[in-house]
Amino acid sequence: MSRLYLPYFLARRMAAPVHGHKKNVMVRIATLSVGVGMAVMIVALGVIFGFKQQITSKLTGFGAHVQLVHLDGNSSYETVPISIDQPVVERIVALKEVAGIYPYAIKAGILRGEKAMQGVVLKGVAPDYDWSFFERYRVEGERPRVEDSVRNKEVMISRRLAEMMQLKVGDPFEMLFIQNPPRRDRFRVAGIYDTQFDELDKVMILTDIRNVQRLSGWDSTQVTGFEINTRDFAHLDRFTAQIDELLFDTPGIDDQPLRAVSIRERYPMIFDWLNAHNVNAAVIITVMLLVALFNMVSALLIILLERTPMIGVLKALGMDNRALQKTFVIRSSFILLKGMFWGNLLGVGLCLLQAYTGWIRLDQAGYFLTTVPIDLEWSWWLLLNVATFVVLVALLTLPTLIISLILPEKSIRFE
């Protein structure tokens, strides 16, 4: 027999059920603790990554990854216009990281209904705008026709606004704009979307960019800015820095200094809150691994004590300490793999149940979402399983060092 096969063979024999002999209670506890720990880690990471993916996706859907705006513009919705014919735009489009760049214009106003009023933002978009995000969440009607040569008054509003103002697809409504002099305008609901992101759903209305330009007193060449999407959100900061470099090297039009603002800069508190989840994930994983390790070590020590006579016999027959250590590590890995199997089955099952049914609800005011989000990807799931197995097996080699203290002449007489 080879050096690798003998420890494996002995470990299999120890793990095999013996007729009339009950399995060690500590082995059952160790298996259960590994399974529960694995399930908790999978669910925790699925929820944490789900929060990050869902909230980031919705924030960028409303406002893109990076916005190119006037340097004097502030965080309010009363913006300083810039020319749509910016030389830097061509250089930005040439970047391989750019997924799309779209001009937009915004105007703050008040939506007035029969029984309620709500402060909103009228966002105007051009014919080349990427509607994929709002199409994904469109629940009624159609998106506004911004491609027509003749300007129309169609808009897309959220379900939250539609319910507040008692509006349906095809209904007209009036908006007031606080400016000098004050203005009012009428629009018609073409479609309704529902992202379930209450903070932005209740304020964002989409329409033709020409409507906003007219209300702001701008001509067809003036816009609030450009929305830019990147292909790799993980390197958003580097991408924003690239755009800043291009802005520094490219002169603007008519002394219009520009700046690039990333989604993280626009919503720092939300992203800080999301980053805080990384600490939660680290704490959960550490605690679960420690609990599993403690129970695995306890089970392994009991197995060693039960098999002391066998260890003495094998030593007397010439088996060295290293081979015996491998035997008991392999025996422990069987327990570990069994626990991980049931833990994965439970954890992935709970994640899929939540993803498809949304049975666990959230307070939207505190969490921005109505249901617990789940992001279950094979990459982090596989990494979690491999890392858990490797770390626990590596640490379980330490208790097996006790084998070197067992003497054959004493252990064979051990009762």
Protein backbone atom coordinates (compact mmCIF):
# COMPACT_ATOMS: atom_id res chain seq x y z
CA MET A 1 0.00 0.00 0.00
CA SER A 2 1.18 3.52 -0.74
CA ARG A 3 1.85 6.06 2.00
CA LEU A 4 -1.24 8.01 0.98
CA TYR A 5 -3.59 5.07 0.57
CA LEU A 6 -2.95 3.46 3.97
CA PRO A 7 -4.04 6.52 6.01
CA TYR A 8 -7.05 6.90 3.74
CA PHE A 9 -7.94 3.21 4.10
CA LEU A 10 -7.71 3.35 7.89
CA ALA A 11 -9.74 6.57 8.02
CA ARG A 12 -12.47 4.96 5.92
CA ARG A 13 -12.54 1.94 8.21
CA MET A 14 -12.87 4.18 11.28
CA ALA A 15 -15.67 6.14 9.64
CA ALA A 16 -17.58 3.03 8.56
CA PRO A 17 -20.63 2.26 10.72
CA VAL A 18 -20.27 -0.70 13.03
CA HIS A 19 -23.31 -2.94 13.56
CA GLY A 20 -24.78 -2.42 17.01
CA HIS A 21 -22.47 0.50 17.79
CA LYS A 22 -23.82 4.03 18.02
CA LYS A 23 -21.86 6.85 16.42
CA ASN A 24 -19.98 9.11 18.83
CA VAL A 25 -22.15 11.96 20.10
CA MET A 26 -19.33 14.46 19.60
CA VAL A 27 -19.07 13.44 15.96
CA ARG A 28 -22.74 14.25 15.51
CA ILE A 29 -22.31 17.58 17.30
CA ALA A 30 -19.27 18.44 15.19
CA THR A 31 -21.13 17.58 11.98
CA LEU A 32 -24.11 19.66 13.09
CA SER A 33 -21.96 22.65 14.07
CA VAL A 34 -20.13 22.61 10.73
CA GLY A 35 -23.43 22.35 8.88
CA VAL A 36 -25.10 25.17 10.79
CA GLY A 37 -22.00 27.34 10.52
CA MET A 38 -21.76 26.76 6.78
CA ALA A 39 -25.43 27.58 6.28
CA VAL A 40 -25.15 30.78 8.34
CA MET A 41 -22.07 31.91 6.39
CA ILE A 42 -23.76 31.28 3.03
CA VAL A 43 -26.94 33.10 4.01
CA ALA A 44 -25.00 35.99 5.58
CA LEU A 45 -22.80 36.50 2.53
CA GLY A 46 -25.75 36.06 0.17
CA VAL A 47 -27.65 38.81 1.99
CA ILE A 48 -24.63 41.14 2.29
CA PHE A 49 -23.70 40.80 -1.37
CA GLY A 50 -27.39 41.10 -2.22
CA PHE A 51 -27.63 44.44 -0.43
CA LYS A 52 -24.53 45.72 -2.19
CA GLN A 53 -25.63 44.53 -5.62
CA GLN A 54 -29.24 45.69 -5.38
CA ILE A 55 -28.62 49.12 -3.86
CA THR A 56 -25.62 49.87 -6.09
CA SER A 57 -27.54 48.73 -9.16
CA LYS A 58 -30.50 50.96 -8.35
CA LEU A 59 -28.41 53.98 -7.47
CA THR A 60 -26.46 53.72 -10.72
CA GLY A 61 -29.66 53.03 -12.64
CA PHE A 62 -31.03 56.39 -11.54
CA GLY A 63 -27.81 58.34 -11.98
CA ALA A 64 -25.08 56.29 -13.74
CA HIS A 65 -21.62 55.49 -12.38
CA VAL A 66 -20.11 58.91 -13.03
CA GLN A 67 -21.67 62.29 -13.83
CA LEU A 68 -19.85 64.99 -15.77
CA VAL A 69 -21.19 68.36 -14.60
CA HIS A 70 -20.24 72.03 -14.26
CA LEU A 71 -17.58 72.68 -11.64
CA ASP A 72 -19.78 75.28 -9.95
CA GLY A 73 -22.73 72.92 -9.73
CA ASN A 74 -23.77 71.90 -6.22
CA SER A 75 -25.67 68.91 -4.88
CA SER A 76 -29.07 70.58 -5.36
CA TYR A 77 -31.32 70.07 -8.36
CA GLU A 78 -30.87 73.64 -9.61
CA THR A 79 -27.95 73.08 -11.94
CA VAL A 80 -25.56 75.20 -13.98
CA PRO A 81 -25.86 74.26 -17.67
CA ILE A 82 -22.95 73.19 -19.84
CA SER A 83 -22.63 72.84 -23.60
CA ILE A 84 -23.46 69.49 -25.11
CA ASP A 85 -20.57 69.91 -27.56
CA GLN A 86 -17.74 69.21 -25.13
CA PRO A 87 -14.38 68.22 -26.72
CA VAL A 88 -13.63 65.93 -23.78
CA VAL A 89 -16.65 63.74 -24.55
CA GLU A 90 -14.96 62.22 -27.62
CA ARG A 91 -11.89 61.38 -25.56
CA ILE A 92 -14.04 59.79 -22.85
CA VAL A 93 -15.92 57.68 -25.39
CA ALA A 94 -12.57 56.39 -26.66
CA LEU A 95 -11.77 54.85 -23.25
CA LYS A 96 -12.17 51.08 -23.36
CA GLU A 97 -13.77 51.10 -19.89
CA VAL A 98 -16.70 53.26 -21.03
CA ALA A 99 -19.98 51.38 -21.51
CA GLY A 100 -22.04 54.44 -22.44
CA ILE A 101 -22.29 58.23 -22.12
CA TYR A 102 -25.58 60.13 -22.27
CA PRO A 103 -26.52 63.82 -21.91
CA TYR A 104 -29.24 64.68 -19.41
CA ALA A 105 -30.96 67.68 -17.86
CA ILE A 106 -32.83 67.97 -14.57
CA LYS A 107 -35.31 70.42 -13.11
CA ALA A 108 -36.80 70.47 -9.62
CA GLY A 109 -40.53 70.99 -9.32
CA ILE A 110 -43.68 70.16 -7.41
CA LEU A 111 -46.13 67.54 -8.60
CA ARG A 112 -49.64 68.66 -7.71
CA GLY A 113 -52.48 66.22 -7.39
CA GLU A 114 -56.08 66.58 -6.28
CA LYS A 115 -55.32 65.58 -2.69
CA ALA A 116 -51.51 65.73 -2.35
CA MET A 117 -48.36 67.53 -3.42
CA GLN A 118 -44.87 66.12 -3.76
CA GLY A 119 -41.46 67.64 -4.52
CA VAL A 120 -39.99 65.83 -7.52
CA VAL A 121 -37.16 65.97 -10.04
CA LEU A 122 -37.94 66.09 -13.73
CA LYS A 123 -35.11 64.33 -15.54
CA GLY A 124 -34.86 64.88 -19.28
CA VAL A 125 -33.07 62.32 -21.44
CA ALA A 126 -32.00 62.27 -25.08
CA PRO A 127 -32.95 59.75 -27.81
CA ASP A 128 -29.74 57.72 -27.23
CA TYR A 129 -30.48 57.20 -23.52
CA ASP A 130 -30.11 53.64 -22.20
CA TRP A 131 -33.57 52.66 -20.93
CA SER A 132 -32.59 49.14 -19.86
CA PHE A 133 -32.77 49.90 -16.13
CA PHE A 134 -36.24 51.45 -16.22
CA GLU A 135 -37.48 48.87 -18.72
CA ARG A 136 -36.50 46.17 -16.22
CA TYR A 137 -38.71 47.78 -13.58
CA ARG A 138 -41.50 49.05 -15.82
CA VAL A 139 -44.83 47.67 -14.58
CA GLU A 140 -47.38 49.57 -16.70
CA GLY A 141 -47.58 51.51 -19.95
CA GLU A 142 -44.63 52.45 -22.15
CA ARG A 143 -41.57 54.60 -21.81
CA PRO A 144 -41.83 58.21 -23.02
CA ARG A 145 -41.22 58.79 -26.72
CA VAL A 146 -38.10 60.92 -26.71
CA GLU A 147 -37.03 59.91 -30.23
CA ASP A 148 -39.85 61.77 -31.98
CA SER A 149 -38.95 64.86 -33.99
CA VAL A 150 -41.82 66.69 -32.32
CA ARG A 151 -41.50 67.26 -28.57
CA ASN A 152 -44.24 65.67 -26.47
CA LYS A 153 -45.23 65.84 -22.80
CA GLU A 154 -45.03 62.14 -21.96
CA VAL A 155 -43.36 61.06 -18.72
CA MET A 156 -42.56 57.91 -16.78
CA ILE A 157 -43.28 58.05 -13.06
CA SER A 158 -42.91 55.57 -10.23
CA ARG A 159 -45.69 53.46 -8.78
CA ARG A 160 -45.16 55.24 -5.46
CA LEU A 161 -45.87 58.63 -7.06
CA ALA A 162 -48.78 57.23 -9.05
CA GLU A 163 -50.41 55.93 -5.87
CA MET A 164 -49.75 59.15 -3.95
CA MET A 165 -51.25 61.31 -6.70
CA GLN A 166 -53.88 58.77 -7.79
CA LEU A 167 -52.56 58.67 -11.35
CA LYS A 168 -52.85 56.00 -14.00
CA VAL A 169 -51.32 55.48 -17.42
CA GLY A 170 -52.75 58.11 -19.76
CA ASP A 171 -53.73 60.55 -17.00
CA PRO A 172 -52.64 64.20 -17.27
CA PHE A 173 -51.17 66.04 -14.29
CA GLU A 174 -49.71 69.45 -13.49
CA MET A 175 -46.28 70.42 -12.20
CA LEU A 176 -45.22 73.70 -10.62
CA PHE A 177 -41.69 75.11 -10.94
CA ILE A 178 -40.45 77.62 -8.39
CA GLN A 179 -38.43 80.16 -10.36
CA ASN A 180 -38.62 83.79 -11.41
CA PRO A 181 -41.23 84.01 -12.75
CA PRO A 182 -42.90 80.77 -11.47
CA ARG A 183 -44.01 78.36 -14.17
CA ARG A 184 -46.42 75.50 -14.50
CA ASP A 185 -46.73 72.80 -17.10
CA ARG A 186 -48.89 69.80 -17.82
CA PHE A 187 -47.68 66.29 -18.64
CA ARG A 188 -49.21 62.89 -19.38
CA VAL A 189 -48.29 59.57 -17.76
CA ALA A 190 -46.93 57.23 -20.43
CA GLY A 191 -45.53 54.54 -18.16
CA ILE A 192 -45.05 53.51 -14.54
CA TYR A 193 -41.95 51.88 -13.03
CA ASP A 194 -41.36 50.35 -9.61
CA THR A 195 -37.78 49.78 -8.40
CA GLN A 196 -38.92 49.51 -4.75
CA PHE A 197 -36.17 52.00 -3.87
CA ASP A 198 -38.37 54.46 -2.07
CA GLU A 199 -35.80 57.23 -1.62
CA LEU A 200 -35.55 57.82 -5.38
CA ASP A 201 -38.84 56.35 -6.58
CA LYS A 202 -40.80 59.10 -4.87
CA VAL A 203 -38.92 61.93 -6.60
CA MET A 204 -37.75 60.81 -10.06
CA ILE A 205 -39.81 61.51 -13.20
CA LEU A 206 -38.37 60.89 -16.67
CA THR A 207 -39.25 62.81 -19.81
CA ASP A 208 -37.87 64.25 -23.05
CA ILE A 209 -34.77 66.39 -22.48
CA ARG A 210 -36.35 69.16 -24.57
CA ASN A 211 -39.07 69.64 -21.94
CA VAL A 212 -36.47 70.38 -19.27
CA GLN A 213 -34.48 72.65 -21.58
CA ARG A 214 -37.59 74.69 -22.34
CA LEU A 215 -38.60 74.99 -18.69
CA SER A 216 -35.06 76.07 -17.71
CA GLY A 217 -34.83 78.60 -20.51
CA TRP A 218 -31.95 76.76 -22.17
CA ASP A 219 -31.36 76.20 -25.86
CA SER A 220 -30.94 72.78 -27.48
CA THR A 221 -27.17 72.76 -26.89
CA GLN A 222 -27.38 73.21 -23.10
CA VAL A 223 -27.64 70.31 -20.66
CA THR A 224 -27.05 69.62 -16.98
CA GLY A 225 -24.28 67.18 -17.77
CA PHE A 226 -23.40 63.70 -18.99
CA GLU A 227 -23.99 60.34 -17.36
CA ILE A 228 -21.15 57.89 -17.88
CA ASN A 229 -21.25 54.14 -17.21
CA THR A 230 -18.18 51.96 -16.80
CA ARG A 231 -17.80 48.29 -17.64
CA ASP A 232 -15.99 47.56 -14.37
CA PHE A 233 -17.65 49.05 -11.29
CA ALA A 234 -15.04 47.45 -9.01
CA HIS A 235 -12.49 49.99 -10.31
CA LEU A 236 -14.83 52.99 -10.25
CA ASP A 237 -12.37 55.24 -8.40
CA ARG A 238 -9.65 54.57 -10.97
CA PHE A 239 -12.14 55.19 -13.78
CA THR A 240 -13.20 58.52 -12.24
CA ALA A 241 -9.55 59.51 -11.90
CA GLN A 242 -9.03 58.77 -15.60
CA ILE A 243 -11.87 61.12 -16.51
CA ASP A 244 -10.44 63.79 -14.21
CA GLU A 245 -7.12 63.52 -16.05
CA LEU A 246 -8.86 63.98 -19.39
CA LEU A 247 -10.72 67.01 -18.04
CA PHE A 248 -7.43 68.51 -16.88
CA ASP A 249 -5.79 67.95 -20.29
CA THR A 250 -8.78 69.05 -22.42
CA PRO A 251 -9.89 72.70 -22.47
CA GLY A 252 -13.61 73.29 -22.05
CA ILE A 253 -15.97 75.48 -24.06
CA ASP A 254 -16.59 79.13 -23.15
CA ASP A 255 -14.76 78.84 -19.84
CA GLN A 256 -17.03 76.03 -18.60
CA PRO A 257 -14.91 74.11 -16.08
CA LEU A 258 -16.14 70.55 -15.60
CA ARG A 259 -15.77 67.94 -12.92
CA ALA A 260 -16.43 64.20 -12.68
CA VAL A 261 -18.55 63.02 -9.73
CA SER A 262 -18.79 59.29 -9.02
CA ILE A 263 -21.84 57.58 -7.56
CA ARG A 264 -19.87 57.03 -4.34
CA GLU A 265 -19.28 60.77 -4.00
CA ARG A 266 -22.96 61.55 -4.54
CA TYR A 267 -24.19 59.03 -1.95
CA PRO A 268 -21.31 58.68 0.54
CA MET A 269 -23.50 57.74 3.52
CA ILE A 270 -25.17 54.87 1.66
CA PHE A 271 -21.85 53.44 0.48
CA ASP A 272 -20.33 53.83 3.94
CA TRP A 273 -23.30 51.87 5.26
CA LEU A 274 -22.73 49.18 2.63
CA ASN A 275 -19.02 49.00 3.45
CA ALA A 276 -19.87 48.51 7.12
CA HIS A 277 -21.43 45.21 6.10
CA ASN A 278 -17.93 43.92 5.33
CA VAL A 279 -17.15 44.05 9.05
CA ASN A 280 -20.37 42.17 9.81
CA ALA A 281 -19.43 39.49 7.28
CA ALA A 282 -15.94 39.11 8.76
CA VAL A 283 -17.33 38.78 12.29
CA ILE A 284 -19.94 36.19 11.27
CA ILE A 285 -17.42 34.09 9.33
CA THR A 286 -14.88 34.23 12.16
CA VAL A 287 -17.41 33.24 14.83
CA MET A 288 -18.83 30.39 12.76
CA LEU A 289 -15.35 29.04 11.94
CA LEU A 290 -14.33 29.17 15.61
CA VAL A 291 -17.46 27.33 16.72
CA ALA A 292 -17.00 24.70 14.04
CA LEU A 293 -13.29 24.36 14.86
CA PHE A 294 -13.95 23.99 18.59
CA ASN A 295 -16.44 21.18 18.02
CA MET A 296 -14.25 19.52 15.40
CA VAL A 297 -11.24 19.56 17.74
CA SER A 298 -13.36 18.11 20.56
CA ALA A 299 -14.62 15.33 18.31
CA LEU A 300 -11.11 14.61 17.03
CA LEU A 301 -9.64 14.37 20.54
CA ILE A 302 -12.38 11.95 21.59
CA ILE A 303 -11.73 9.85 18.49
CA LEU A 304 -8.01 9.83 19.34
CA LEU A 305 -8.71 8.71 22.89
CA GLU A 306 -11.05 5.96 21.70
CA ARG A 307 -8.47 4.74 19.20
CA THR A 308 -5.46 4.85 21.54
CA PRO A 309 -5.03 1.03 21.53
CA MET A 310 -5.21 1.00 17.74
CA ILE A 311 -2.59 3.73 17.57
CA GLY A 312 -0.31 1.71 19.82
CA VAL A 313 -0.71 -1.41 17.67
CA LEU A 314 -0.03 0.51 14.45
CA LYS A 315 3.06 2.10 15.98
CA ALA A 316 4.27 -1.31 17.11
CA LEU A 317 3.82 -2.53 13.52
CA GLY A 318 6.04 0.30 12.27
CA MET A 319 3.63 3.05 11.28
CA ASP A 320 5.17 6.46 11.99
CA ASN A 321 3.57 9.47 13.67
CA ARG A 322 3.20 11.41 10.41
CA ALA A 323 1.16 8.66 8.76
CA LEU A 324 -1.04 8.35 11.83
CA GLN A 325 -1.62 12.08 11.88
CA LYS A 326 -2.69 11.95 8.23
CA THR A 327 -5.13 9.16 9.13
CA PHE A 328 -6.93 11.18 11.76
CA VAL A 329 -6.89 14.38 9.71
CA ILE A 330 -8.53 12.45 6.86
CA ARG A 331 -11.04 11.01 9.34
CA SER A 332 -11.83 14.58 10.49
CA SER A 333 -12.16 15.74 6.89
CA PHE A 334 -14.93 13.17 6.37
CA ILE A 335 -16.86 14.75 9.24
CA LEU A 336 -16.11 18.20 7.87
CA LEU A 337 -17.25 17.35 4.34
CA LYS A 338 -20.47 15.79 5.59
CA GLY A 339 -21.27 18.88 7.66
CA MET A 340 -20.41 21.19 4.76
CA PHE A 341 -22.66 19.19 2.43
CA TRP A 342 -25.71 19.58 4.66
CA GLY A 343 -24.77 23.18 5.43
CA ASN A 344 -24.59 24.02 1.73
CA LEU A 345 -27.88 22.28 1.11
CA LEU A 346 -29.57 24.28 3.86
CA GLY A 347 -27.85 27.61 3.15
CA VAL A 348 -28.31 27.57 -0.62
CA GLY A 349 -31.88 26.34 -0.18
CA LEU A 350 -32.76 29.25 2.12
CA CYS A 351 -31.12 31.73 -0.25
CA LEU A 352 -33.04 30.38 -3.25
CA LEU A 353 -36.29 30.38 -1.27
CA GLN A 354 -35.82 34.05 -0.36
CA ALA A 355 -34.68 35.00 -3.87
CA TYR A 356 -37.76 33.50 -5.54
CA THR A 357 -40.42 34.22 -2.93
CA GLY A 358 -39.19 37.29 -0.99
CA TRP A 359 -40.91 35.91 2.11
CA ILE A 360 -38.69 37.90 4.51
CA ARG A 361 -39.72 41.55 4.33
CA LEU A 362 -37.83 44.71 5.31
CA ASP A 363 -38.72 48.16 6.54
CA GLN A 364 -38.09 50.25 3.44
CA ALA A 365 -37.43 53.39 5.46
CA GLY A 366 -34.45 51.80 7.18
CA TYR A 367 -33.07 49.45 4.52
CA PHE A 368 -34.10 51.14 1.23
CA LEU A 369 -35.58 47.81 0.03
CA THR A 370 -38.84 46.00 0.71
CA THR A 371 -37.46 42.44 0.83
CA VAL A 372 -34.17 40.88 1.90
CA PRO A 373 -32.01 40.77 -1.26
CA ILE A 374 -29.96 37.72 -2.21
CA ASP A 375 -26.95 37.59 -4.50
CA LEU A 376 -25.85 33.96 -4.82
CA GLU A 377 -22.89 33.62 -7.19
CA TRP A 378 -20.83 30.50 -7.73
CA SER A 379 -17.51 32.42 -7.45
CA TRP A 380 -17.77 33.50 -3.80
CA TRP A 381 -19.73 30.35 -2.89
CA LEU A 382 -16.93 28.13 -4.19
CA LEU A 383 -14.26 30.30 -2.56
CA LEU A 384 -16.09 30.14 0.78
CA ASN A 385 -16.29 26.33 0.66
CA VAL A 386 -12.67 25.85 -0.35
CA ALA A 387 -11.38 28.36 2.21
CA THR A 388 -13.48 26.85 5.01
CA PHE A 389 -12.29 23.33 4.24
CA VAL A 390 -8.61 24.31 3.90
CA VAL A 391 -8.55 26.46 7.05
CA LEU A 392 -10.29 23.88 9.25
CA VAL A 393 -8.24 20.95 7.95
CA ALA A 394 -5.02 22.92 8.44
CA LEU A 395 -5.96 23.79 12.03
CA LEU A 396 -7.05 20.23 12.78
CA THR A 397 -3.49 19.02 12.24
CA LEU A 398 -2.55 20.60 15.58
CA PRO A 399 -4.57 18.25 17.86
CA THR A 400 -3.10 15.24 16.04
CA LEU A 401 0.33 16.13 17.44
CA ILE A 402 -0.79 14.31 20.60
CA ILE A 403 -0.20 11.08 18.68
CA SER A 404 3.56 11.50 19.14
CA LEU A 405 3.04 11.27 22.93
CA ILE A 406 1.30 7.89 22.75
CA LEU A 407 3.72 5.03 23.57
CA PRO A 408 2.96 1.57 22.13
CA GLU A 409 3.94 -0.35 25.31
CA LYS A 410 1.40 1.62 27.35
CA SER A 411 -1.38 2.21 24.85
CA ILE A 412 -1.78 -1.46 23.90
CA ARG A 413 -2.74 -2.15 27.53
CA PHE A 414 -5.06 0.88 27.53
CA GLU A 415 -8.62 0.00 28.51
